[in-house]
Amino acid sequence: MSKKEDSGGKKGSHQTELYAEVPATCLPIVYSPEYNITFLGLEKLHPFDAGKWGKVIRFLKEEQFITDEIIVLAREASEADLLVVHTTRYLNRLKVEMQCLLWPCPVLSLLFLAGKLAMDRGWAINVGGGFHHCSSDKGGGFCAYADITLAIKFLFERVEGVARATIIDLDAHQGNGHERDFLEDGRVYIMDVYNRHIYPGDGYAKRAIKRKVELEWGTEDMEYLQKVELHSEGALNEIRPDIIIYNAGTDILDGDPLGGLAISPQGIIKRDEIIFRAARRRGIPILMVTSGGYQKKTARIIADSILNLHRQGLIGEEAVEGAGPSHVPLMMSKSVSLGATFSAI
């Protein structure tokens, strides 16, 4: 066992360089330019907006909500960090796939960066992440590393006061990766709302879902928002977690070629407000990742949603006023291959 971290966290099973001092002047918004991806031109053949995360940041800057000085940048995760979740066999297979590329596949936001920061400040947003089809020994659908699983396991291992976590997965697709990882872990409660007719249709993983909401093709705002509010309230009333991991996919947007739902931009903004309001009203730290979303306009919607959360008083500078520096996990992965898989987040 490694020695206790200076930040006062739990004892971890290995030494890590992921902890760094974050000034109190920084908002708990995590981003790196490395998040933005291109697929050697293949993005032109697939609806994925390779630069959407950078666009979100640009829009937030244009609205004068953030500057480069007050967002949190990422460090790189070591192989030992990845082994907290992934098997050696799986990581070795990724290395082989990387060697087969003519050019390194650009970096995805493969590791979940802001869990400890959410615990310290009450909220955090990782502009990226949410690769919920990857489990500890298998990738899938744009997802090479199990970032949600990694974030939760780091919190359990290293952060005092974190014994239970709730995943609220509102991407249009079932989050079968984290479901497989936590299938027999009673510390993790999973609520998943998804289109029942699309990828991945993983019946085995569904056994991990404590609150399952399966949607039909073309589900619209009124029905969707009623179900999100009803079941998120029910989930948080059933078991009070120490942190909420909120997977806020925008592939529920009307017209998304992979999601198959019909939610308006205003519906997405209201959805995020419902989840943050439920968390903040209960005093439960919340960490949001942006997950899937395959239309060019999703970046603007994500930015507008973050701005609305600020206008509603659910996030903002008041959350960090008077706080001292935080030692938080800041993680970024190396470039990896996604092979020929072009499915869904």
Protein backbone atom coordinates (compact mmCIF):
# COMPACT_ATOMS: atom_id res chain seq x y z
CA MET A 1 0.00 0.00 0.00
CA SER A 2 1.25 3.46 -0.78
CA LYS A 3 1.55 6.14 1.85
CA LYS A 4 -1.41 8.41 2.47
CA GLU A 5 -1.70 11.31 0.05
CA ASP A 6 -0.85 14.77 1.34
CA SER A 7 -4.42 15.80 0.56
CA GLY A 8 -5.67 13.62 3.37
CA GLY A 9 -7.20 11.00 1.10
CA LYS A 10 -7.38 7.29 1.66
CA LYS A 11 -4.42 5.04 1.21
CA GLY A 12 -4.07 4.00 -2.40
CA SER A 13 -2.72 0.79 -3.82
CA HIS A 14 -0.04 2.53 -5.91
CA GLN A 15 1.80 5.81 -6.17
CA THR A 16 0.23 8.28 -8.59
CA GLU A 17 1.19 11.64 -10.06
CA LEU A 18 -2.42 12.56 -10.80
CA TYR A 19 -2.80 14.81 -7.76
CA ALA A 20 -1.86 18.45 -8.19
CA GLU A 21 -2.65 21.70 -6.44
CA VAL A 22 -5.53 23.59 -8.02
CA PRO A 23 -5.85 27.24 -6.96
CA ALA A 24 -9.11 28.32 -5.38
CA THR A 25 -9.45 30.87 -8.19
CA CYS A 26 -10.05 28.06 -10.68
CA LEU A 27 -13.56 26.95 -11.48
CA PRO A 28 -14.02 23.15 -11.32
CA ILE A 29 -14.23 22.90 -15.10
CA VAL A 30 -11.75 20.40 -16.55
CA TYR A 31 -10.53 20.59 -20.14
CA SER A 32 -7.53 20.01 -22.35
CA PRO A 33 -7.01 20.93 -26.02
CA GLU A 34 -5.96 17.29 -26.41
CA TYR A 35 -9.62 16.32 -26.01
CA ASN A 36 -10.40 17.42 -29.56
CA ILE A 37 -10.09 14.61 -32.04
CA THR A 38 -9.91 13.95 -35.73
CA PHE A 39 -9.94 10.57 -37.40
CA LEU A 40 -7.51 11.24 -40.27
CA GLY A 41 -10.45 12.52 -42.26
CA LEU A 42 -12.70 9.67 -41.18
CA GLU A 43 -14.74 12.12 -39.13
CA LYS A 44 -16.09 13.31 -42.50
CA LEU A 45 -17.61 9.86 -42.98
CA HIS A 46 -19.13 9.71 -39.50
CA PRO A 47 -21.40 12.23 -37.75
CA PHE A 48 -19.08 12.68 -34.76
CA ASP A 49 -18.11 16.35 -34.26
CA ALA A 50 -14.40 15.86 -33.64
CA GLY A 51 -13.88 19.34 -32.22
CA LYS A 52 -17.01 19.78 -30.14
CA TRP A 53 -15.25 20.03 -26.76
CA GLY A 54 -13.04 22.87 -27.92
CA LYS A 55 -16.09 24.61 -29.33
CA VAL A 56 -17.83 24.36 -25.95
CA ILE A 57 -14.87 26.09 -24.31
CA ARG A 58 -14.78 28.75 -27.03
CA PHE A 59 -18.48 29.52 -26.58
CA LEU A 60 -18.05 29.79 -22.79
CA LYS A 61 -15.16 32.21 -23.32
CA GLU A 62 -17.20 34.29 -25.75
CA GLU A 63 -19.89 34.58 -23.08
CA GLN A 64 -17.15 35.65 -20.61
CA PHE A 65 -17.98 32.80 -18.25
CA ILE A 66 -14.45 31.36 -18.29
CA THR A 67 -10.90 32.24 -19.24
CA ASP A 68 -7.86 30.01 -19.71
CA GLU A 69 -6.68 31.04 -16.25
CA ILE A 70 -9.69 29.68 -14.35
CA ILE A 71 -10.20 26.25 -15.92
CA VAL A 72 -8.34 23.12 -14.84
CA LEU A 73 -5.96 21.43 -17.26
CA ALA A 74 -5.08 17.75 -17.22
CA ARG A 75 -2.11 15.59 -16.39
CA GLU A 76 -1.32 12.28 -18.04
CA ALA A 77 -2.25 8.97 -16.46
CA SER A 78 0.42 6.29 -16.09
CA GLU A 79 -0.04 2.63 -16.93
CA ALA A 80 -0.22 1.94 -13.19
CA ASP A 81 -3.14 4.36 -12.96
CA LEU A 82 -4.94 2.58 -15.79
CA LEU A 83 -4.37 -0.77 -14.09
CA VAL A 84 -6.64 0.42 -11.27
CA VAL A 85 -9.41 -0.55 -13.70
CA HIS A 86 -8.04 -2.28 -16.79
CA THR A 87 -6.40 -5.67 -17.13
CA THR A 88 -2.81 -5.95 -18.31
CA ARG A 89 -4.04 -8.05 -21.23
CA TYR A 90 -6.42 -5.32 -22.38
CA LEU A 91 -3.79 -2.56 -22.16
CA ASN A 92 -1.29 -4.72 -24.05
CA ARG A 93 -3.85 -5.23 -26.80
CA LEU A 94 -4.32 -1.47 -27.09
CA LYS A 95 -0.55 -1.04 -27.44
CA VAL A 96 -0.48 -3.53 -30.33
CA GLU A 97 -3.33 -1.71 -32.05
CA MET A 98 -1.49 1.59 -31.64
CA GLN A 99 1.54 0.15 -33.45
CA CYS A 100 -0.65 -0.78 -36.41
CA LEU A 101 -1.58 2.83 -37.10
CA LEU A 102 0.14 4.87 -39.78
CA TRP A 103 -0.37 7.94 -37.55
CA PRO A 104 -1.32 8.18 -33.88
CA CYS A 105 -5.07 8.25 -33.35
CA PRO A 106 -5.81 11.60 -31.68
CA VAL A 107 -6.42 11.76 -27.99
CA LEU A 108 -9.93 11.32 -26.60
CA SER A 109 -10.90 12.45 -23.16
CA LEU A 110 -10.47 8.89 -21.96
CA LEU A 111 -9.99 9.47 -18.26
CA PHE A 112 -12.39 11.10 -15.92
CA LEU A 113 -10.59 14.03 -14.39
CA ALA A 114 -12.60 15.85 -11.76
CA GLY A 115 -14.04 13.55 -9.10
CA LYS A 116 -12.02 14.85 -6.17
CA LEU A 117 -12.58 18.41 -7.33
CA ALA A 118 -16.34 17.80 -7.28
CA MET A 119 -16.01 16.52 -3.72
CA ASP A 120 -14.07 19.64 -2.71
CA ARG A 121 -16.23 22.24 -4.48
CA GLY A 122 -19.65 20.58 -4.66
CA TRP A 123 -19.66 20.33 -8.44
CA ALA A 124 -17.38 19.80 -11.40
CA ILE A 125 -17.75 19.54 -15.16
CA ASN A 126 -15.39 17.61 -17.39
CA VAL A 127 -15.83 19.03 -20.89
CA GLY A 128 -15.35 15.62 -22.45
CA GLY A 129 -15.44 12.09 -21.10
CA GLY A 130 -18.35 9.79 -20.46
CA PHE A 131 -17.04 6.88 -22.51
CA HIS A 132 -19.55 4.49 -21.02
CA HIS A 133 -19.29 1.50 -23.37
CA CYS A 134 -15.80 0.55 -22.20
CA SER A 135 -15.41 -1.87 -19.31
CA SER A 136 -12.28 -3.06 -17.54
CA ASP A 137 -11.34 -5.59 -20.22
CA LYS A 138 -13.20 -4.50 -23.34
CA GLY A 139 -13.59 -1.35 -25.41
CA GLY A 140 -16.52 -0.43 -27.61
CA GLY A 141 -18.20 2.39 -29.49
CA PHE A 142 -15.48 5.11 -29.47
CA CYS A 143 -14.57 4.05 -25.93
CA ALA A 144 -11.06 2.76 -25.26
CA TYR A 145 -10.70 3.46 -21.53
CA ALA A 146 -13.34 3.06 -18.82
CA ASP A 147 -13.21 6.63 -17.54
CA ILE A 148 -16.36 6.50 -15.40
CA THR A 149 -15.21 3.32 -13.69
CA LEU A 150 -11.72 4.75 -13.22
CA ALA A 151 -13.04 7.94 -11.63
CA ILE A 152 -15.25 6.09 -9.17
CA LYS A 153 -12.55 3.59 -8.20
CA PHE A 154 -10.06 6.41 -7.63
CA LEU A 155 -12.61 8.12 -5.38
CA PHE A 156 -13.25 4.94 -3.41
CA GLU A 157 -9.53 4.28 -3.11
CA ARG A 158 -8.20 7.74 -2.31
CA VAL A 159 -10.87 10.15 -1.08
CA GLU A 160 -12.18 10.14 2.46
CA GLY A 161 -15.94 10.18 2.76
CA VAL A 162 -16.67 8.44 -0.54
CA ALA A 163 -18.27 5.08 0.10
CA ARG A 164 -21.24 5.20 -2.29
CA ALA A 165 -21.64 6.60 -5.80
CA THR A 166 -24.65 7.01 -8.06
CA ILE A 167 -24.29 7.04 -11.84
CA ILE A 168 -27.09 8.89 -13.64
CA ASP A 169 -26.55 8.00 -17.29
CA LEU A 170 -28.72 10.07 -19.64
CA ASP A 171 -26.87 9.42 -22.89
CA ALA A 172 -29.20 7.96 -25.53
CA HIS A 173 -27.33 4.65 -25.37
CA GLN A 174 -27.19 2.12 -22.56
CA GLY A 175 -24.03 2.57 -20.46
CA ASN A 176 -23.03 -1.07 -20.58
CA GLY A 177 -19.33 -0.52 -19.78
CA HIS A 178 -19.69 0.84 -16.25
CA GLU A 179 -22.65 -1.49 -15.74
CA ARG A 180 -20.47 -4.53 -16.37
CA ASP A 181 -17.74 -3.14 -14.11
CA PHE A 182 -20.07 -2.53 -11.16
CA LEU A 183 -22.44 -5.45 -11.68
CA GLU A 184 -21.63 -6.97 -8.30
CA ASP A 185 -20.56 -3.81 -6.46
CA GLY A 186 -23.24 -2.69 -4.03
CA ARG A 187 -21.51 0.65 -3.49
CA VAL A 188 -22.57 1.89 -6.94
CA TYR A 189 -26.19 2.66 -7.82
CA ILE A 190 -26.90 3.00 -11.55
CA MET A 191 -29.82 4.83 -13.15
CA ASP A 192 -29.86 4.54 -16.94
CA VAL A 193 -32.31 6.19 -19.35
CA TYR A 194 -31.81 5.14 -22.97
CA ASN A 195 -33.38 4.23 -26.31
CA ARG A 196 -34.19 0.54 -25.94
CA HIS A 197 -33.85 -0.17 -29.67
CA ILE A 198 -30.27 0.94 -30.34
CA TYR A 199 -26.68 -0.09 -29.56
CA PRO A 200 -25.53 -1.84 -27.42
CA GLY A 201 -28.54 -3.84 -26.21
CA ASP A 202 -26.40 -5.54 -23.58
CA GLY A 203 -28.78 -7.73 -21.61
CA TYR A 204 -26.08 -9.03 -19.29
CA ALA A 205 -25.03 -5.49 -18.28
CA LYS A 206 -28.64 -4.45 -17.67
CA ARG A 207 -28.63 -6.58 -14.53
CA ALA A 208 -26.52 -3.85 -12.88
CA ILE A 209 -29.12 -1.12 -13.46
CA LYS A 210 -31.04 -0.31 -10.29
CA ARG A 211 -33.38 2.14 -12.04
CA LYS A 212 -33.89 1.33 -15.72
CA VAL A 213 -35.90 3.63 -18.01
CA GLU A 214 -36.18 2.32 -21.56
CA LEU A 215 -37.42 4.80 -24.17
CA GLU A 216 -39.10 4.32 -27.53
CA TRP A 217 -38.07 5.81 -30.86
CA GLY A 218 -38.83 9.52 -31.12
CA THR A 219 -39.48 10.20 -27.43
CA GLU A 220 -40.12 13.97 -27.03
CA ASP A 221 -39.53 16.58 -24.32
CA MET A 222 -42.61 16.28 -22.13
CA GLU A 223 -42.47 12.51 -21.63
CA TYR A 224 -38.69 12.52 -21.37
CA LEU A 225 -38.38 15.28 -18.79
CA GLN A 226 -41.17 13.84 -16.67
CA LYS A 227 -39.38 10.48 -16.56
CA VAL A 228 -35.98 12.04 -15.86
CA GLU A 229 -37.32 14.08 -12.95
CA LEU A 230 -39.42 11.27 -11.51
CA HIS A 231 -36.66 8.67 -11.63
CA SER A 232 -33.75 10.90 -10.61
CA GLU A 233 -35.70 11.99 -7.54
CA GLY A 234 -36.59 8.38 -6.86
CA ALA A 235 -33.01 7.19 -7.25
CA LEU A 236 -31.58 9.83 -4.91
CA ASN A 237 -34.33 9.24 -2.36
CA GLU A 238 -33.75 5.49 -2.46
CA ILE A 239 -30.04 5.69 -1.67
CA ARG A 240 -28.13 8.86 -0.79
CA PRO A 241 -24.72 8.67 -2.48
CA ASP A 242 -21.55 10.54 -1.56
CA ILE A 243 -21.17 11.66 -5.19
CA ILE A 244 -23.23 11.67 -8.38
CA ILE A 245 -21.58 10.89 -11.71
CA TYR A 246 -23.79 12.48 -14.34
CA ASN A 247 -23.29 11.27 -17.91
CA ALA A 248 -24.95 14.07 -19.88
CA GLY A 249 -24.99 12.87 -23.47
CA THR A 250 -26.52 15.19 -26.06
CA ASP A 251 -27.23 12.39 -28.55
CA ILE A 252 -30.83 12.56 -27.31
CA LEU A 253 -31.19 15.66 -29.53
CA ASP A 254 -33.84 15.53 -32.23
CA GLY A 255 -32.19 14.55 -35.50
CA ASP A 256 -29.21 12.78 -33.98
CA PRO A 257 -28.38 9.98 -36.44
CA LEU A 258 -27.53 7.46 -33.71
CA GLY A 259 -29.69 8.38 -30.72
CA GLY A 260 -33.14 8.02 -32.29
CA LEU A 261 -34.85 10.35 -29.80
CA ALA A 262 -36.47 13.76 -30.40
CA ILE A 263 -35.46 16.04 -27.54
CA SER A 264 -35.17 19.77 -28.24
CA PRO A 265 -32.18 21.94 -27.27
CA GLN A 266 -34.36 23.49 -24.56
CA GLY A 267 -35.23 20.00 -23.35
CA ILE A 268 -31.54 19.13 -22.94
CA ILE A 269 -30.90 22.35 -21.02
CA LYS A 270 -33.87 21.65 -18.74
CA ARG A 271 -32.73 18.04 -18.23
CA ASP A 272 -29.32 19.16 -16.98
CA GLU A 273 -30.97 21.70 -14.69
CA ILE A 274 -33.20 18.98 -13.21
CA ILE A 275 -30.22 16.79 -12.34
CA PHE A 276 -28.07 19.59 -10.91
CA ARG A 277 -30.98 20.98 -8.91
CA ALA A 278 -31.68 17.55 -7.40
CA ALA A 279 -28.02 17.17 -6.44
CA ARG A 280 -27.47 20.68 -5.07
CA ARG A 281 -30.74 20.67 -3.11
CA ARG A 282 -29.54 17.56 -1.29
CA GLY A 283 -25.97 18.80 -0.89
CA ILE A 284 -24.57 15.89 -2.91
CA PRO A 285 -21.42 16.60 -4.98
CA ILE A 286 -22.00 16.13 -8.70
CA LEU A 287 -19.56 15.47 -11.53
CA MET A 288 -20.83 15.94 -15.08
CA VAL A 289 -19.28 14.60 -18.29
CA THR A 290 -20.60 15.40 -21.75
CA SER A 291 -20.52 11.96 -23.42
CA GLY A 292 -22.19 11.36 -26.80
CA GLY A 293 -23.68 13.82 -29.26
CA TYR A 294 -23.17 13.70 -33.02
CA GLN A 295 -24.50 16.92 -34.50
CA LYS A 296 -22.58 20.11 -35.11
CA LYS A 297 -24.96 22.10 -32.91
CA THR A 298 -24.38 19.99 -29.79
CA ALA A 299 -21.40 22.10 -28.68
CA ARG A 300 -23.57 25.22 -28.56
CA ILE A 301 -26.24 23.34 -26.58
CA ILE A 302 -23.69 22.08 -24.03
CA ALA A 303 -22.34 25.60 -23.57
CA ASP A 304 -25.85 27.04 -23.25
CA SER A 305 -26.69 24.41 -20.65
CA ILE A 306 -23.62 25.25 -18.58
CA LEU A 307 -24.50 28.95 -18.79
CA ASN A 308 -28.05 28.17 -17.67
CA LEU A 309 -26.74 26.23 -14.67
CA HIS A 310 -24.78 29.34 -13.74
CA ARG A 311 -27.77 31.64 -14.21
CA GLN A 312 -29.84 29.35 -12.01
CA GLY A 313 -27.21 29.55 -9.25
CA LEU A 314 -26.42 25.83 -9.49
CA ILE A 315 -22.76 26.35 -10.44
CA GLY A 316 -20.40 29.30 -10.35
CA GLU A 317 -17.71 31.20 -8.54
CA GLU A 318 -19.64 31.23 -5.28
CA ALA A 319 -18.86 27.52 -4.98
CA VAL A 320 -15.13 28.25 -4.71
CA GLU A 321 -15.12 31.51 -2.74
CA GLY A 322 -13.18 31.07 0.46
CA ALA A 323 -11.90 27.67 -0.53
CA GLY A 324 -8.25 26.84 -0.26
CA PRO A 325 -6.19 25.04 -2.88
CA SER A 326 -7.39 21.54 -3.70
CA HIS A 327 -5.29 18.48 -4.41
CA VAL A 328 -7.37 16.82 -7.11
CA PRO A 329 -6.87 14.00 -9.61
CA LEU A 330 -5.97 15.40 -13.03
CA MET A 331 -5.69 12.71 -15.66
CA MET A 332 -5.08 12.50 -19.37
CA SER A 333 -4.35 9.45 -21.45
CA LYS A 334 -1.96 8.83 -24.28
CA SER A 335 -3.22 8.52 -27.85
CA VAL A 336 -4.83 5.15 -28.44
CA SER A 337 -6.29 3.25 -31.32
CA LEU A 338 -10.01 2.81 -31.69
CA GLY A 339 -9.50 0.30 -34.48
CA ALA A 340 -12.28 0.26 -37.05
CA THR A 341 -15.07 0.71 -34.51
CA PHE A 342 -17.41 3.59 -35.38
CA SER A 343 -20.38 3.11 -33.13
CA ALA A 344 -21.80 5.26 -30.37
CA ILE A 345 -20.83 6.86 -27.11
